[in-house]
């Protein structure tokens, strides 16, 4: 890989293994049609950066680390509802104490100042994409029945597109609340 090479990047909350397994099992049972997202690839996007030069990775990782470090510790999310968009089905999450939204806002401001993210007026929506569609399927499954999801890490991911769907690889991870209160 060269520094000029362009790669697809996004920052996200890493879901714990048990939450990923539960959401994947729910998707296998409740969702018919489309291509389900692999359990290992389930996450909560904080900021999608799109195609960026590989040389941007250290700066983005540093800003993610700074935002994660200053976050107020562990984030608690709870599945609320299922929602479909033009090309995806997702579980919308409740941000139980507002910590996820605060982290997303801080990170977005940092990435805008860095010049790698365009400002948007669109509000951040905590969700986990569980299925991809060519066209909406019109599904209305009951939401995954699970306890709260406790998130303690964030990551900078590379998204690699392929015939079986996108694969996500964590390039850097950062613990939440290392420099803040927990």
C-alpha atoms as a PDB file:
ATOM      1  CA  UNK A   1       0.000   0.000   0.000  1.00  0.00           C
ATOM      2  CA  UNK A   2       1.249   3.462  -0.819  1.00  0.00           C
ATOM      3  CA  UNK A   3       0.545   6.656   1.101  1.00  0.00           C
ATOM      4  CA  UNK A   4      -1.289   8.030  -1.967  1.00  0.00           C
ATOM      5  CA  UNK A   5      -3.549   4.985  -2.195  1.00  0.00           C
ATOM      6  CA  UNK A   6      -7.191   5.791  -1.417  1.00  0.00           C
ATOM      7  CA  UNK A   7      -9.105   3.655   1.070  1.00  0.00           C
ATOM      8  CA  UNK A   8     -12.665   3.811   2.401  1.00  0.00           C
ATOM      9  CA  UNK A   9     -12.685   4.813   6.071  1.00  0.00           C
ATOM     10  CA  UNK A  10     -15.148   5.268   8.902  1.00  0.00           C
ATOM     11  CA  UNK A  11     -15.025   5.690  12.677  1.00  0.00           C
ATOM     12  CA  UNK A  12     -17.331   3.561  14.802  1.00  0.00           C
ATOM     13  CA  UNK A  13     -18.139   2.132  18.189  1.00  0.00           C
ATOM     14  CA  UNK A  14     -16.984  -1.469  18.526  1.00  0.00           C
ATOM     15  CA  UNK A  15     -19.801  -3.688  19.723  1.00  0.00           C
ATOM     16  CA  UNK A  16     -18.966  -6.383  22.269  1.00  0.00           C
ATOM     17  CA  UNK A  17     -18.837  -9.920  20.881  1.00  0.00           C
ATOM     18  CA  UNK A  18     -21.983 -11.068  22.717  1.00  0.00           C
ATOM     19  CA  UNK A  19     -24.025  -8.164  21.308  1.00  0.00           C
ATOM     20  CA  UNK A  20     -22.757  -8.848  17.762  1.00  0.00           C
ATOM     21  CA  UNK A  21     -23.625 -12.549  18.110  1.00  0.00           C
ATOM     22  CA  UNK A  22     -27.109 -11.771  19.449  1.00  0.00           C
ATOM     23  CA  UNK A  23     -27.875  -9.222  16.711  1.00  0.00           C
ATOM     24  CA  UNK A  24     -26.620 -11.585  14.000  1.00  0.00           C
ATOM     25  CA  UNK A  25     -28.760 -14.454  15.344  1.00  0.00           C
ATOM     26  CA  UNK A  26     -31.795 -12.146  15.496  1.00  0.00           C
ATOM     27  CA  UNK A  27     -31.144 -11.086  11.891  1.00  0.00           C
ATOM     28  CA  UNK A  28     -30.913 -14.687  10.716  1.00  0.00           C
ATOM     29  CA  UNK A  29     -34.273 -15.432  12.343  1.00  0.00           C
ATOM     30  CA  UNK A  30     -36.206 -12.198  11.693  1.00  0.00           C
ATOM     31  CA  UNK A  31     -34.903 -10.900   8.360  1.00  0.00           C
ATOM     32  CA  UNK A  32     -35.741 -12.580   5.088  1.00  0.00           C
ATOM     33  CA  UNK A  33     -34.240 -11.278   1.875  1.00  0.00           C
ATOM     34  CA  UNK A  34     -31.235  -9.070   1.415  1.00  0.00           C
ATOM     35  CA  UNK A  35     -27.686  -9.780   2.527  1.00  0.00           C
ATOM     36  CA  UNK A  36     -27.172  -9.895   6.267  1.00  0.00           C
ATOM     37  CA  UNK A  37     -24.114  -8.149   7.661  1.00  0.00           C
ATOM     38  CA  UNK A  38     -21.643 -10.628   9.177  1.00  0.00           C
ATOM     39  CA  UNK A  39     -21.543 -10.662  12.984  1.00  0.00           C
ATOM     40  CA  UNK A  40     -17.881  -9.574  13.022  1.00  0.00           C
ATOM     41  CA  UNK A  41     -18.766  -6.511  10.923  1.00  0.00           C
ATOM     42  CA  UNK A  42     -21.600  -5.157  13.109  1.00  0.00           C
ATOM     43  CA  UNK A  43     -20.789  -1.710  14.565  1.00  0.00           C
ATOM     44  CA  UNK A  44     -22.274   1.730  15.299  1.00  0.00           C
ATOM     45  CA  UNK A  45     -20.900   4.316  12.856  1.00  0.00           C
ATOM     46  CA  UNK A  46     -19.786   7.603  14.405  1.00  0.00           C
ATOM     47  CA  UNK A  47     -18.522   9.229  11.182  1.00  0.00           C
ATOM     48  CA  UNK A  48     -18.280   7.919   7.614  1.00  0.00           C
ATOM     49  CA  UNK A  49     -15.298   9.444   5.842  1.00  0.00           C
ATOM     50  CA  UNK A  50     -15.522   7.690   2.465  1.00  0.00           C
ATOM     51  CA  UNK A  51     -12.534   7.414   0.175  1.00  0.00           C
ATOM     52  CA  UNK A  52      -9.472   9.059   1.740  1.00  0.00           C
ATOM     53  CA  UNK A  53      -5.743   8.990   1.025  1.00  0.00           C
ATOM     54  CA  UNK A  54      -3.951   6.366   3.141  1.00  0.00           C
ATOM     55  CA  UNK A  55      -1.767   9.227   4.411  1.00  0.00           C
ATOM     56  CA  UNK A  56      -4.822  10.600   6.325  1.00  0.00           C
ATOM     57  CA  UNK A  57      -4.979   7.550   8.615  1.00  0.00           C
ATOM     58  CA  UNK A  58      -2.557   8.776  11.351  1.00  0.00           C
ATOM     59  CA  UNK A  59      -4.339  12.130  11.744  1.00  0.00           C
ATOM     60  CA  UNK A  60      -7.787  10.535  11.802  1.00  0.00           C
ATOM     61  CA  UNK A  61      -6.629   7.902  14.294  1.00  0.00           C
ATOM     62  CA  UNK A  62      -5.169  10.616  16.535  1.00  0.00           C
ATOM     63  CA  UNK A  63      -8.443  12.578  16.534  1.00  0.00           C
ATOM     64  CA  UNK A  64     -10.457   9.412  17.232  1.00  0.00           C
ATOM     65  CA  UNK A  65      -8.105   8.608  20.107  1.00  0.00           C
ATOM     66  CA  UNK A  66      -8.414  12.117  21.536  1.00  0.00           C
ATOM     67  CA  UNK A  67     -12.218  12.088  21.300  1.00  0.00           C
ATOM     68  CA  UNK A  68     -12.455   8.589  22.796  1.00  0.00           C
ATOM     69  CA  UNK A  69     -10.049   9.476  25.601  1.00  0.00           C
ATOM     70  CA  UNK A  70     -12.068  12.547  26.559  1.00  0.00           C
ATOM     71  CA  UNK A  71     -15.387  10.658  26.386  1.00  0.00           C
ATOM     72  CA  UNK A  72     -17.232  10.168  29.655  1.00  0.00           C
ATOM     73  CA  UNK A  73     -16.520   6.426  29.809  1.00  0.00           C
ATOM     74  CA  UNK A  74     -18.607   3.424  28.882  1.00  0.00           C
ATOM     75  CA  UNK A  75     -21.553   3.956  26.540  1.00  0.00           C
ATOM     76  CA  UNK A  76     -24.881   2.212  27.094  1.00  0.00           C
ATOM     77  CA  UNK A  77     -27.097   1.563  24.062  1.00  0.00           C
ATOM     78  CA  UNK A  78     -30.413  -0.259  23.886  1.00  0.00           C
ATOM     79  CA  UNK A  79     -32.230  -1.591  20.804  1.00  0.00           C
ATOM     80  CA  UNK A  80     -35.375   0.465  20.161  1.00  0.00           C
ATOM     81  CA  UNK A  81     -36.789  -0.306  16.715  1.00  0.00           C
ATOM     82  CA  UNK A  82     -36.159  -1.692  13.247  1.00  0.00           C
ATOM     83  CA  UNK A  83     -35.943   0.767  10.346  1.00  0.00           C
ATOM     84  CA  UNK A  84     -35.335   0.443   6.608  1.00  0.00           C
ATOM     85  CA  UNK A  85     -33.797   2.911   4.218  1.00  0.00           C
ATOM     86  CA  UNK A  86     -33.359   2.609   0.476  1.00  0.00           C
ATOM     87  CA  UNK A  87     -30.545   0.062   0.797  1.00  0.00           C
ATOM     88  CA  UNK A  88     -30.312  -1.071   4.408  1.00  0.00           C
ATOM     89  CA  UNK A  89     -32.204  -2.465   7.372  1.00  0.00           C
ATOM     90  CA  UNK A  90     -31.043  -1.341  10.793  1.00  0.00           C
ATOM     91  CA  UNK A  91     -31.669  -1.576  14.496  1.00  0.00           C
ATOM     92  CA  UNK A  92     -32.091   1.964  15.849  1.00  0.00           C
ATOM     93  CA  UNK A  93     -30.576   2.326  19.303  1.00  0.00           C
ATOM     94  CA  UNK A  94     -31.411   4.472  22.302  1.00  0.00           C
ATOM     95  CA  UNK A  95     -28.363   6.278  23.683  1.00  0.00           C
ATOM     96  CA  UNK A  96     -29.261   5.798  27.335  1.00  0.00           C
ATOM     97  CA  UNK A  97     -27.218   8.641  28.818  1.00  0.00           C
ATOM     98  CA  UNK A  98     -26.266  10.727  25.772  1.00  0.00           C
ATOM     99  CA  UNK A  99     -22.610   9.674  25.894  1.00  0.00           C
ATOM    100  CA  UNK A 100     -22.625   8.217  22.370  1.00  0.00           C
ATOM    101  CA  UNK A 101     -24.098  11.389  20.885  1.00  0.00           C
ATOM    102  CA  UNK A 102     -21.556  13.512  22.774  1.00  0.00           C
ATOM    103  CA  UNK A 103     -18.698  11.366  21.451  1.00  0.00           C
ATOM    104  CA  UNK A 104     -20.083  11.502  17.894  1.00  0.00           C
ATOM    105  CA  UNK A 105     -20.409  15.306  18.048  1.00  0.00           C
ATOM    106  CA  UNK A 106     -16.904  15.767  19.470  1.00  0.00           C
ATOM    107  CA  UNK A 107     -15.376  13.418  16.888  1.00  0.00           C
ATOM    108  CA  UNK A 108     -17.224  15.063  14.000  1.00  0.00           C
ATOM    109  CA  UNK A 109     -15.969  18.512  15.057  1.00  0.00           C
ATOM    110  CA  UNK A 110     -12.406  17.224  15.295  1.00  0.00           C
ATOM    111  CA  UNK A 111     -12.607  15.563  11.863  1.00  0.00           C
ATOM    112  CA  UNK A 112     -14.149  18.694  10.298  1.00  0.00           C
ATOM    113  CA  UNK A 113     -11.263  20.805  11.692  1.00  0.00           C
ATOM    114  CA  UNK A 114      -8.831  18.231  10.291  1.00  0.00           C
ATOM    115  CA  UNK A 115     -10.509  18.671   6.894  1.00  0.00           C
ATOM    116  CA  UNK A 116     -11.473  15.015   6.387  1.00  0.00           C
ATOM    117  CA  UNK A 117     -15.207  15.312   7.086  1.00  0.00           C
ATOM    118  CA  UNK A 118     -17.696  17.729   5.595  1.00  0.00           C
ATOM    119  CA  UNK A 119     -20.050  19.518   7.988  1.00  0.00           C
ATOM    120  CA  UNK A 120     -23.610  18.231   7.894  1.00  0.00           C
ATOM    121  CA  UNK A 121     -26.887  19.380   9.387  1.00  0.00           C
ATOM    122  CA  UNK A 122     -28.142  15.786   9.425  1.00  0.00           C
ATOM    123  CA  UNK A 123     -28.492  14.565  13.013  1.00  0.00           C
ATOM    124  CA  UNK A 124     -26.465  11.533  14.088  1.00  0.00           C
ATOM    125  CA  UNK A 125     -28.616   8.417  14.565  1.00  0.00           C
ATOM    126  CA  UNK A 126     -27.186   5.583  16.647  1.00  0.00           C
ATOM    127  CA  UNK A 127     -27.926   2.359  14.776  1.00  0.00           C
ATOM    128  CA  UNK A 128     -26.523  -0.989  13.691  1.00  0.00           C
ATOM    129  CA  UNK A 129     -26.988  -1.918  10.042  1.00  0.00           C
ATOM    130  CA  UNK A 130     -27.948  -5.607  10.023  1.00  0.00           C
ATOM    131  CA  UNK A 131     -28.993  -6.198   6.397  1.00  0.00           C
ATOM    132  CA  UNK A 132     -28.326  -4.674   2.958  1.00  0.00           C
ATOM    133  CA  UNK A 133     -30.897  -4.583   0.134  1.00  0.00           C
ATOM    134  CA  UNK A 134     -30.956  -3.783  -3.557  1.00  0.00           C
ATOM    135  CA  UNK A 135     -34.417  -2.302  -2.829  1.00  0.00           C
ATOM    136  CA  UNK A 136     -36.341  -1.953   0.457  1.00  0.00           C
ATOM    137  CA  UNK A 137     -37.914  -5.204   1.584  1.00  0.00           C
ATOM    138  CA  UNK A 138     -40.728  -3.644   3.618  1.00  0.00           C
ATOM    139  CA  UNK A 139     -39.947  -5.767   6.657  1.00  0.00           C
ATOM    140  CA  UNK A 140     -41.467  -4.997  10.060  1.00  0.00           C
ATOM    141  CA  UNK A 141     -39.841  -7.460  12.478  1.00  0.00           C
ATOM    142  CA  UNK A 142     -40.027  -6.929  16.217  1.00  0.00           C
ATOM    143  CA  UNK A 143     -36.825  -5.417  17.570  1.00  0.00           C
ATOM    144  CA  UNK A 144     -34.085  -7.678  18.857  1.00  0.00           C
ATOM    145  CA  UNK A 145     -34.952  -8.602  22.438  1.00  0.00           C
ATOM    146  CA  UNK A 146     -31.768  -8.031  24.373  1.00  0.00           C
ATOM    147  CA  UNK A 147     -30.373  -6.182  27.338  1.00  0.00           C
ATOM    148  CA  UNK A 148     -28.320  -3.037  27.066  1.00  0.00           C
ATOM    149  CA  UNK A 149     -25.184  -3.013  24.941  1.00  0.00           C
ATOM    150  CA  UNK A 150     -22.180  -1.664  26.821  1.00  0.00           C
ATOM    151  CA  UNK A 151     -19.521  -0.204  24.526  1.00  0.00           C
ATOM    152  CA  UNK A 152     -16.004   0.524  25.780  1.00  0.00           C
ATOM    153  CA  UNK A 153     -13.985   0.959  22.545  1.00  0.00           C
ATOM    154  CA  UNK A 154     -14.073   2.873  19.294  1.00  0.00           C
ATOM    155  CA  UNK A 155     -12.196   2.093  16.092  1.00  0.00           C
ATOM    156  CA  UNK A 156     -11.061   3.502  12.777  1.00  0.00           C
ATOM    157  CA  UNK A 157     -12.127   0.985  10.147  1.00  0.00           C
ATOM    158  CA  UNK A 158     -11.166   0.370   6.548  1.00  0.00           C
ATOM    159  CA  UNK A 159     -14.085  -0.799   4.399  1.00  0.00           C
ATOM    160  CA  UNK A 160     -13.142  -3.119   1.539  1.00  0.00           C
ATOM    161  CA  UNK A 161     -15.868  -3.794  -1.016  1.00  0.00           C
ATOM    162  CA  UNK A 162     -16.204  -7.274  -2.485  1.00  0.00           C
ATOM    163  CA  UNK A 163     -18.665  -9.647  -4.122  1.00  0.00           C
ATOM    164  CA  UNK A 164     -19.843 -10.963  -0.737  1.00  0.00           C
ATOM    165  CA  UNK A 165     -20.357  -7.462   0.656  1.00  0.00           C
ATOM    166  CA  UNK A 166     -18.092  -5.060   2.484  1.00  0.00           C
ATOM    167  CA  UNK A 167     -15.461  -6.296   4.933  1.00  0.00           C
ATOM    168  CA  UNK A 168     -14.369  -4.065   7.777  1.00  0.00           C
ATOM    169  CA  UNK A 169     -10.887  -4.109   9.273  1.00  0.00           C
ATOM    170  CA  UNK A 170      -9.977  -2.099  12.366  1.00  0.00           C
ATOM    171  CA  UNK A 171      -6.854  -0.065  11.608  1.00  0.00           C
ATOM    172  CA  UNK A 172      -6.707   1.564  15.065  1.00  0.00           C
ATOM    173  CA  UNK A 173      -8.770   1.237  18.245  1.00  0.00           C
ATOM    174  CA  UNK A 174      -9.222   3.585  21.186  1.00  0.00           C
ATOM    175  CA  UNK A 175     -10.648   2.924  24.635  1.00  0.00           C
ATOM    176  CA  UNK A 176     -13.445   5.222  25.812  1.00  0.00           C
ATOM    177  CA  UNK A 177     -12.910   7.471  28.795  1.00  0.00           C
ATOM    178  CA  UNK A 178      -9.197   6.894  29.322  1.00  0.00           C
ATOM    179  CA  UNK A 179      -8.665  10.610  29.935  1.00  0.00           C
ATOM    180  CA  UNK A 180     -12.189  11.461  31.091  1.00  0.00           C
ATOM    181  CA  UNK A 181     -14.374  10.372  33.981  1.00  0.00           C
ATOM    182  CA  UNK A 182     -15.929   6.905  33.931  1.00  0.00           C
END
